[in-house]
Amino acid sequence: MKTTTIRIALVGFGLGGRVFHAPLISSVEGLELAAVLERNSSHAAQRYPGLRTCRTLDELLSDSTIDLVVVTTPSGTHFEIARQVLEAGKHAVVDKPTATSAAEVADLSRLASARDLHLIPFHNRRWDNDFRTVHKLIHEGSLGHLVHVHSCFDRWSPGASRKPWKDDPDQGGGTLLDLGTHLVDQALVLFGKPKSVSAEVRRERGGEGSNDSFTLRLFYETLLVTLEANALSSLARPRFHLRGTHGNFWKPGVDPQEAALAKITRITDPHWGEEPQSAWGTLSVDVDGGIVTRPVPSITGDYRFFYAGVRDTLLGKQPPPVKAIDAWRVAQLLEWATESSGLHCDIECDWSQESS
């Protein structure tokens, strides 16, 4: 690194760049949002005065002062853009999914390693309040031996997406790659690699287009993890439901950070990410033969931890907050899930091909 301030450029300023990356980068000490690639507009510069706007990727990559490039474009473009970023000698953060196949993730990982660069997947939902709370409960063993974990994103979106690429499988569209990447990554962090997977990946809204609903079942030695998402739930189920030999944990709602980030350009609220008591989860456990139920305060979520980790990684202080191999594992599991759905059978997970 040339200085202790890391200069960052964004490729793209749609939902991902505007709502997630730009505000988070601008809120972490030691990071500077320096440039953005917008081919036909200057929305980023209007929100962040002094920001340089580039019209082509070559123009952006030719800036020798840029240390890190964040790829936040439609999913089907991630591989090619990230490849060019790495070949230009820049570190890369890539929004999820890192690429649309495990083979492409592996290619990017090898390229980064060969050039002594970091390829860091943006798996930000490791810093959701609900996930952090569940992680703590599991670590504490409050529920005894877990037998089933249900994790889902229920949404109500019966109409077509305003972004046509999201409904085009050839451009990386579909709920499985979108929300499935988050849910699978969280499951892998909590429980490691499953022995097998079965899945139903469907389109429920009718017509041609990408999948908009999935159910994945990850099988472990003595644990079943069910991951689900769909666009036709006007009444949402809990975000997490854990069942164990000592009791259950039930967490409604979704982390509030995305909605809050959509309204700001920089985080200044000292209570960022905190949830009101009304949104806390409920723990119900067996104590001496009687059921005791109590609310569980949510651990505060904070996506800034991701970019603070990126900063410290580039400064040589710690490993990446999310590793490239993590993106490969997610992509591979999603491919097995797609295969399972097509064949209507369980698929054994052969992790022997994994390379770090």
Protein backbone atom coordinates (compact mmCIF):
# COMPACT_ATOMS: atom_id res chain seq x y z
CA MET A 1 0.00 0.00 0.00
CA LYS A 2 1.30 3.43 -0.92
CA THR A 3 -0.38 5.19 2.00
CA THR A 4 -2.42 4.21 5.01
CA THR A 5 -5.53 5.61 3.30
CA ILE A 6 -6.96 3.06 0.88
CA ARG A 7 -8.46 4.62 -2.24
CA ILE A 8 -11.46 2.73 -3.56
CA ALA A 9 -13.35 2.82 -6.83
CA LEU A 10 -16.85 1.47 -7.51
CA VAL A 11 -17.83 -0.20 -10.74
CA GLY A 12 -21.54 0.53 -10.89
CA PHE A 13 -23.85 2.78 -8.90
CA GLY A 14 -27.15 0.93 -8.88
CA LEU A 15 -28.78 -0.45 -5.76
CA GLY A 16 -25.61 -2.18 -4.57
CA GLY A 17 -23.29 0.76 -5.07
CA ARG A 18 -25.70 3.43 -3.87
CA VAL A 19 -27.27 1.66 -0.88
CA PHE A 20 -24.51 -0.60 0.36
CA HIS A 21 -20.97 0.06 -0.80
CA ALA A 22 -20.75 3.85 -1.07
CA PRO A 23 -22.25 4.62 2.37
CA LEU A 24 -20.26 1.86 4.07
CA ILE A 25 -16.94 2.81 2.50
CA SER A 26 -17.58 6.45 3.42
CA SER A 27 -18.21 5.43 7.02
CA VAL A 28 -15.00 3.48 7.71
CA GLU A 29 -11.87 5.27 8.83
CA GLY A 30 -8.89 4.73 6.56
CA LEU A 31 -10.99 4.26 3.41
CA GLU A 32 -11.61 6.85 0.72
CA LEU A 33 -14.32 6.56 -1.91
CA ALA A 34 -12.34 8.07 -4.77
CA ALA A 35 -13.96 7.13 -8.09
CA VAL A 36 -16.95 5.45 -9.69
CA LEU A 37 -17.71 3.98 -13.09
CA GLU A 38 -21.03 5.32 -14.39
CA ARG A 39 -21.29 5.09 -18.15
CA ASN A 40 -24.22 7.45 -18.77
CA SER A 41 -24.91 9.40 -15.56
CA SER A 42 -23.22 11.15 -12.64
CA HIS A 43 -25.49 10.20 -9.75
CA ALA A 44 -22.62 9.20 -7.47
CA ALA A 45 -20.79 12.51 -7.87
CA GLN A 46 -24.01 14.35 -7.02
CA ARG A 47 -24.26 12.42 -3.76
CA TYR A 48 -20.52 12.47 -3.01
CA PRO A 49 -19.01 15.80 -4.13
CA GLY A 50 -15.42 15.49 -5.28
CA LEU A 51 -15.84 11.91 -6.43
CA ARG A 52 -14.30 11.23 -9.85
CA THR A 53 -16.67 9.78 -12.45
CA CYS A 54 -15.21 7.46 -15.09
CA ARG A 55 -17.06 6.47 -18.26
CA THR A 56 -15.13 3.29 -19.10
CA LEU A 57 -13.56 0.48 -17.11
CA ASP A 58 -10.22 1.09 -18.80
CA GLU A 59 -10.30 4.71 -17.64
CA LEU A 60 -10.98 3.66 -14.06
CA LEU A 61 -8.35 0.91 -14.02
CA SER A 62 -5.69 3.23 -15.44
CA ASP A 63 -5.79 5.32 -12.26
CA SER A 64 -2.64 4.23 -10.42
CA THR A 65 -3.86 5.79 -7.15
CA ILE A 66 -6.75 3.31 -6.85
CA ASP A 67 -5.89 0.42 -4.51
CA LEU A 68 -9.19 -1.50 -4.46
CA VAL A 69 -12.04 -1.85 -6.93
CA VAL A 70 -15.55 -2.87 -5.85
CA VAL A 71 -17.59 -4.68 -8.50
CA THR A 72 -21.29 -4.00 -7.97
CA THR A 73 -22.87 -4.58 -11.37
CA PRO A 74 -25.43 -7.17 -12.61
CA SER A 75 -24.44 -10.66 -11.48
CA GLY A 76 -23.69 -12.01 -14.93
CA THR A 77 -20.97 -9.37 -15.44
CA HIS A 78 -19.07 -10.02 -12.20
CA PHE A 79 -16.64 -12.58 -13.55
CA GLU A 80 -15.41 -10.61 -16.55
CA ILE A 81 -15.13 -7.30 -14.70
CA ALA A 82 -13.39 -8.86 -11.69
CA ARG A 83 -10.98 -10.60 -14.06
CA GLN A 84 -10.03 -7.28 -15.64
CA VAL A 85 -9.67 -5.64 -12.23
CA LEU A 86 -7.26 -8.32 -11.04
CA GLU A 87 -5.31 -8.29 -14.30
CA ALA A 88 -4.88 -4.54 -13.81
CA GLY A 89 -3.18 -5.22 -10.48
CA LYS A 90 -6.02 -4.01 -8.24
CA HIS A 91 -7.49 -5.78 -5.22
CA ALA A 92 -11.17 -6.64 -5.71
CA VAL A 93 -14.31 -6.76 -3.60
CA VAL A 94 -17.10 -8.42 -5.58
CA ASP A 95 -20.76 -8.18 -4.67
CA LYS A 96 -22.62 -11.46 -4.35
CA PRO A 97 -22.59 -13.75 -6.18
CA THR A 98 -18.86 -13.44 -6.90
CA ALA A 99 -19.55 -15.25 -10.18
CA THR A 100 -22.34 -17.36 -11.61
CA SER A 101 -20.47 -20.66 -11.34
CA ALA A 102 -18.00 -22.35 -9.03
CA ALA A 103 -15.56 -22.75 -11.92
CA GLU A 104 -15.53 -18.99 -12.53
CA VAL A 105 -14.95 -18.29 -8.82
CA ALA A 106 -12.04 -20.73 -8.88
CA ASP A 107 -10.55 -19.01 -11.94
CA LEU A 108 -10.73 -15.61 -10.23
CA SER A 109 -9.23 -17.01 -7.04
CA ARG A 110 -6.28 -18.51 -8.92
CA LEU A 111 -5.71 -15.24 -10.78
CA ALA A 112 -5.74 -13.24 -7.53
CA SER A 113 -3.30 -15.65 -5.88
CA ALA A 114 -0.95 -15.59 -8.86
CA ARG A 115 -0.79 -11.80 -8.70
CA ASP A 116 -0.61 -11.61 -4.90
CA LEU A 117 -3.92 -9.78 -4.77
CA HIS A 118 -7.02 -10.12 -2.60
CA LEU A 119 -10.36 -11.27 -4.01
CA ILE A 120 -12.93 -10.61 -1.27
CA PRO A 121 -16.61 -11.63 -1.67
CA PHE A 122 -19.17 -9.19 -0.27
CA HIS A 123 -21.08 -11.56 2.02
CA ASN A 124 -22.35 -8.75 4.20
CA ARG A 125 -25.16 -10.67 5.91
CA ARG A 126 -22.65 -12.27 8.26
CA TRP A 127 -23.06 -8.93 10.04
CA ASP A 128 -26.88 -8.99 10.26
CA ASN A 129 -28.20 -8.69 13.81
CA ASP A 130 -30.32 -11.84 13.53
CA PHE A 131 -27.42 -13.95 12.25
CA ARG A 132 -25.04 -12.64 14.90
CA THR A 133 -27.61 -13.40 17.59
CA VAL A 134 -28.17 -16.94 16.29
CA HIS A 135 -24.41 -17.48 16.10
CA LYS A 136 -24.07 -16.53 19.77
CA LEU A 137 -26.97 -18.75 20.89
CA ILE A 138 -25.53 -21.75 19.05
CA HIS A 139 -22.08 -21.14 20.52
CA GLU A 140 -23.56 -20.93 24.03
CA GLY A 141 -25.48 -24.18 23.58
CA SER A 142 -28.69 -22.63 24.89
CA LEU A 143 -30.87 -24.98 22.83
CA GLY A 144 -29.03 -28.19 23.57
CA HIS A 145 -28.35 -30.38 20.56
CA LEU A 146 -29.77 -28.74 17.46
CA VAL A 147 -31.94 -30.95 15.29
CA HIS A 148 -33.39 -28.45 12.80
CA VAL A 149 -32.60 -24.90 11.69
CA HIS A 150 -34.96 -23.03 9.38
CA SER A 151 -33.66 -19.84 7.74
CA CYS A 152 -35.73 -17.96 5.20
CA PHE A 153 -36.36 -14.73 3.33
CA ASP A 154 -40.09 -14.33 2.71
CA ARG A 155 -40.98 -11.39 0.49
CA TRP A 156 -44.04 -10.04 -1.31
CA SER A 157 -43.10 -9.07 -4.85
CA PRO A 158 -45.71 -10.48 -7.25
CA GLY A 159 -44.80 -8.18 -10.15
CA ALA A 160 -41.89 -8.25 -12.56
CA SER A 161 -38.56 -6.81 -11.44
CA ARG A 162 -37.78 -3.24 -12.48
CA LYS A 163 -34.34 -4.55 -13.48
CA PRO A 164 -34.81 -6.91 -16.45
CA TRP A 165 -31.51 -8.71 -15.86
CA LYS A 166 -32.79 -10.01 -12.53
CA ASP A 167 -35.37 -12.05 -14.45
CA ASP A 168 -32.90 -13.36 -17.02
CA PRO A 169 -31.09 -16.61 -16.13
CA ASP A 170 -28.42 -15.91 -18.77
CA GLN A 171 -27.47 -12.70 -16.94
CA GLY A 172 -27.23 -14.30 -13.50
CA GLY A 173 -30.77 -13.47 -12.47
CA GLY A 174 -32.86 -15.49 -10.07
CA THR A 175 -33.57 -15.78 -6.37
CA LEU A 176 -31.25 -18.76 -5.90
CA LEU A 177 -28.11 -16.81 -6.84
CA ASP A 178 -29.38 -13.66 -5.13
CA LEU A 179 -30.78 -14.60 -1.73
CA GLY A 180 -29.52 -18.17 -1.87
CA THR A 181 -25.94 -16.94 -1.75
CA HIS A 182 -26.63 -15.21 1.58
CA LEU A 183 -28.51 -18.09 3.17
CA VAL A 184 -26.01 -20.75 2.09
CA ASP A 185 -23.05 -18.65 3.23
CA GLN A 186 -24.62 -18.21 6.66
CA ALA A 187 -25.29 -21.94 6.96
CA LEU A 188 -21.71 -22.77 6.03
CA VAL A 189 -20.38 -20.32 8.62
CA LEU A 190 -22.59 -21.80 11.34
CA PHE A 191 -22.34 -25.51 10.56
CA GLY A 192 -19.64 -26.16 8.00
CA LYS A 193 -19.97 -28.29 4.87
CA PRO A 194 -23.03 -30.58 4.63
CA LYS A 195 -22.91 -34.23 3.58
CA SER A 196 -25.70 -33.90 1.01
CA VAL A 197 -28.32 -31.50 -0.32
CA SER A 198 -31.80 -31.74 -1.79
CA ALA A 199 -33.68 -28.84 -3.33
CA GLU A 200 -36.68 -27.52 -5.19
CA VAL A 201 -35.86 -24.47 -7.29
CA ARG A 202 -38.94 -23.07 -8.99
CA ARG A 203 -40.62 -20.16 -10.70
CA GLU A 204 -43.91 -19.46 -8.91
CA ARG A 205 -45.01 -16.20 -10.52
CA GLY A 206 -45.67 -17.79 -13.92
CA GLY A 207 -44.33 -16.95 -17.34
CA GLU A 208 -40.77 -17.18 -18.57
CA GLY A 209 -37.84 -16.00 -16.50
CA SER A 210 -35.53 -16.81 -13.63
CA ASN A 211 -36.37 -18.85 -10.57
CA ASP A 212 -38.13 -16.87 -7.83
CA SER A 213 -38.50 -19.55 -5.14
CA PHE A 214 -36.34 -22.23 -3.61
CA THR A 215 -36.19 -24.70 -0.76
CA LEU A 216 -32.80 -26.19 0.08
CA ARG A 217 -32.26 -28.93 2.64
CA LEU A 218 -28.69 -29.38 3.89
CA PHE A 219 -28.07 -32.70 5.60
CA TYR A 220 -25.48 -33.01 8.37
CA GLU A 221 -24.76 -35.99 10.63
CA THR A 222 -27.57 -35.24 13.10
CA LEU A 223 -28.86 -31.88 11.86
CA LEU A 224 -31.13 -30.70 9.06
CA VAL A 225 -30.85 -27.10 7.83
CA THR A 226 -33.68 -25.78 5.64
CA LEU A 227 -33.10 -22.62 3.60
CA GLU A 228 -35.97 -20.93 1.77
CA ALA A 229 -36.83 -17.79 -0.14
CA ASN A 230 -39.71 -16.70 -2.34
CA ALA A 231 -41.49 -13.63 -3.68
CA LEU A 232 -45.08 -14.57 -2.81
CA SER A 233 -45.26 -14.34 0.98
CA SER A 234 -47.50 -11.47 2.09
CA LEU A 235 -47.38 -13.05 5.56
CA ALA A 236 -43.75 -13.71 6.41
CA ARG A 237 -42.51 -16.60 8.50
CA PRO A 238 -39.77 -15.97 11.09
CA ARG A 239 -36.36 -15.16 9.67
CA PHE A 240 -34.87 -17.93 11.85
CA HIS A 241 -36.43 -20.84 13.74
CA LEU A 242 -34.06 -23.12 15.63
CA ARG A 243 -35.18 -26.35 17.32
CA GLY A 244 -33.03 -28.25 19.79
CA THR A 245 -33.26 -30.84 22.54
CA HIS A 246 -33.56 -28.09 25.19
CA GLY A 247 -35.89 -25.71 23.37
CA ASN A 248 -36.48 -23.33 20.47
CA PHE A 249 -35.46 -19.87 19.25
CA TRP A 250 -37.70 -17.81 16.99
CA LYS A 251 -36.59 -14.55 15.32
CA PRO A 252 -39.02 -12.47 13.22
CA GLY A 253 -38.29 -9.61 10.86
CA VAL A 254 -35.20 -8.65 8.89
CA ASP A 255 -32.09 -6.70 9.76
CA PRO A 256 -32.85 -2.94 9.54
CA GLN A 257 -29.58 -1.82 7.97
CA GLU A 258 -30.54 -2.06 4.28
CA ALA A 259 -33.62 0.11 4.74
CA ALA A 260 -31.61 2.65 6.73
CA LEU A 261 -28.70 2.72 4.26
CA ALA A 262 -31.10 3.58 1.42
CA LYS A 263 -31.73 6.97 3.07
CA ILE A 264 -28.17 8.14 3.81
CA THR A 265 -24.72 8.66 2.27
CA ARG A 266 -22.74 8.04 5.44
CA ILE A 267 -23.42 6.41 8.82
CA THR A 268 -23.40 8.91 11.69
CA ASP A 269 -25.97 7.41 14.06
CA PRO A 270 -24.24 6.18 17.25
CA HIS A 271 -27.03 3.59 17.62
CA TRP A 272 -26.60 2.23 14.11
CA GLY A 273 -28.02 -1.24 13.57
CA GLU A 274 -29.73 -1.52 16.95
CA GLU A 275 -33.15 -3.17 17.07
CA PRO A 276 -36.02 -2.17 19.36
CA GLN A 277 -37.14 -4.75 21.92
CA SER A 278 -40.29 -5.34 19.88
CA ALA A 279 -38.11 -6.89 17.15
CA TRP A 280 -36.09 -9.20 19.42
CA GLY A 281 -36.27 -12.94 19.07
CA THR A 282 -37.83 -15.32 21.59
CA LEU A 283 -36.05 -18.14 23.39
CA SER A 284 -38.16 -20.97 24.81
CA VAL A 285 -36.30 -23.62 26.82
CA ASP A 286 -37.09 -26.50 29.12
CA VAL A 287 -35.98 -25.79 32.70
CA ASP A 288 -36.57 -28.66 35.14
CA GLY A 289 -39.52 -29.93 33.11
CA GLY A 290 -41.17 -26.54 32.62
CA ILE A 291 -41.00 -24.24 29.60
CA VAL A 292 -39.43 -20.82 30.26
CA THR A 293 -39.82 -18.20 27.55
CA ARG A 294 -37.95 -14.90 27.34
CA PRO A 295 -36.96 -12.29 24.76
CA VAL A 296 -33.35 -12.34 23.57
CA PRO A 297 -31.75 -8.93 22.90
CA SER A 298 -30.48 -8.76 19.33
CA ILE A 299 -26.75 -8.37 18.90
CA THR A 300 -26.30 -5.17 16.94
CA GLY A 301 -25.62 -5.71 13.26
CA ASP A 302 -23.05 -3.55 11.50
CA TYR A 303 -21.95 -3.97 7.88
CA ARG A 304 -19.06 -1.58 8.52
CA PHE A 305 -17.24 -4.53 10.08
CA PHE A 306 -16.87 -5.98 6.59
CA TYR A 307 -15.08 -2.93 5.21
CA ALA A 308 -13.04 -2.45 8.36
CA GLY A 309 -11.88 -6.02 7.79
CA VAL A 310 -11.07 -5.25 4.15
CA ARG A 311 -8.99 -2.25 5.26
CA ASP A 312 -7.05 -4.30 7.79
CA THR A 313 -6.51 -7.09 5.26
CA LEU A 314 -5.00 -4.73 2.72
CA LEU A 315 -2.81 -3.26 5.46
CA GLY A 316 -1.57 -6.75 6.31
CA LYS A 317 -3.14 -6.85 9.76
CA GLN A 318 -5.60 -9.76 9.38
CA PRO A 319 -6.97 -12.35 6.94
CA PRO A 320 -9.85 -11.28 4.68
CA PRO A 321 -13.24 -10.92 6.42
CA VAL A 322 -14.61 -13.29 3.74
CA LYS A 323 -12.29 -15.55 1.76
CA ALA A 324 -12.52 -16.41 -1.92
CA ILE A 325 -12.88 -20.10 -1.01
CA ASP A 326 -16.07 -19.17 0.85
CA ALA A 327 -17.59 -17.90 -2.40
CA TRP A 328 -16.50 -21.09 -4.17
CA ARG A 329 -18.17 -23.27 -1.53
CA VAL A 330 -21.41 -21.30 -1.84
CA ALA A 331 -21.38 -21.46 -5.63
CA GLN A 332 -20.67 -25.19 -5.60
CA LEU A 333 -23.47 -25.90 -3.15
CA LEU A 334 -25.91 -23.87 -5.24
CA GLU A 335 -24.92 -25.90 -8.30
CA TRP A 336 -25.59 -29.14 -6.43
CA ALA A 337 -28.93 -27.70 -5.33
CA THR A 338 -29.84 -26.92 -8.96
CA GLU A 339 -28.85 -30.45 -9.95
CA SER A 340 -30.94 -31.89 -7.12
CA SER A 341 -33.97 -29.89 -8.20
CA GLY A 342 -33.66 -31.05 -11.78
CA LEU A 343 -33.20 -34.72 -10.88
CA HIS A 344 -35.62 -34.76 -7.92
CA CYS A 345 -33.12 -36.52 -5.67
CA ASP A 346 -30.54 -35.94 -2.96
CA ILE A 347 -27.06 -35.01 -4.17
CA GLU A 348 -24.01 -36.12 -2.20
CA CYS A 349 -21.60 -33.24 -1.58
CA ASP A 350 -18.15 -34.17 -2.86
CA TRP A 351 -15.87 -31.58 -1.31
CA SER A 352 -12.70 -33.38 -2.43
CA GLN A 353 -12.34 -30.99 -5.39
CA GLU A 354 -12.05 -28.03 -3.04
CA SER A 355 -8.85 -26.02 -3.25
CA SER A 356 -7.89 -23.22 -0.87
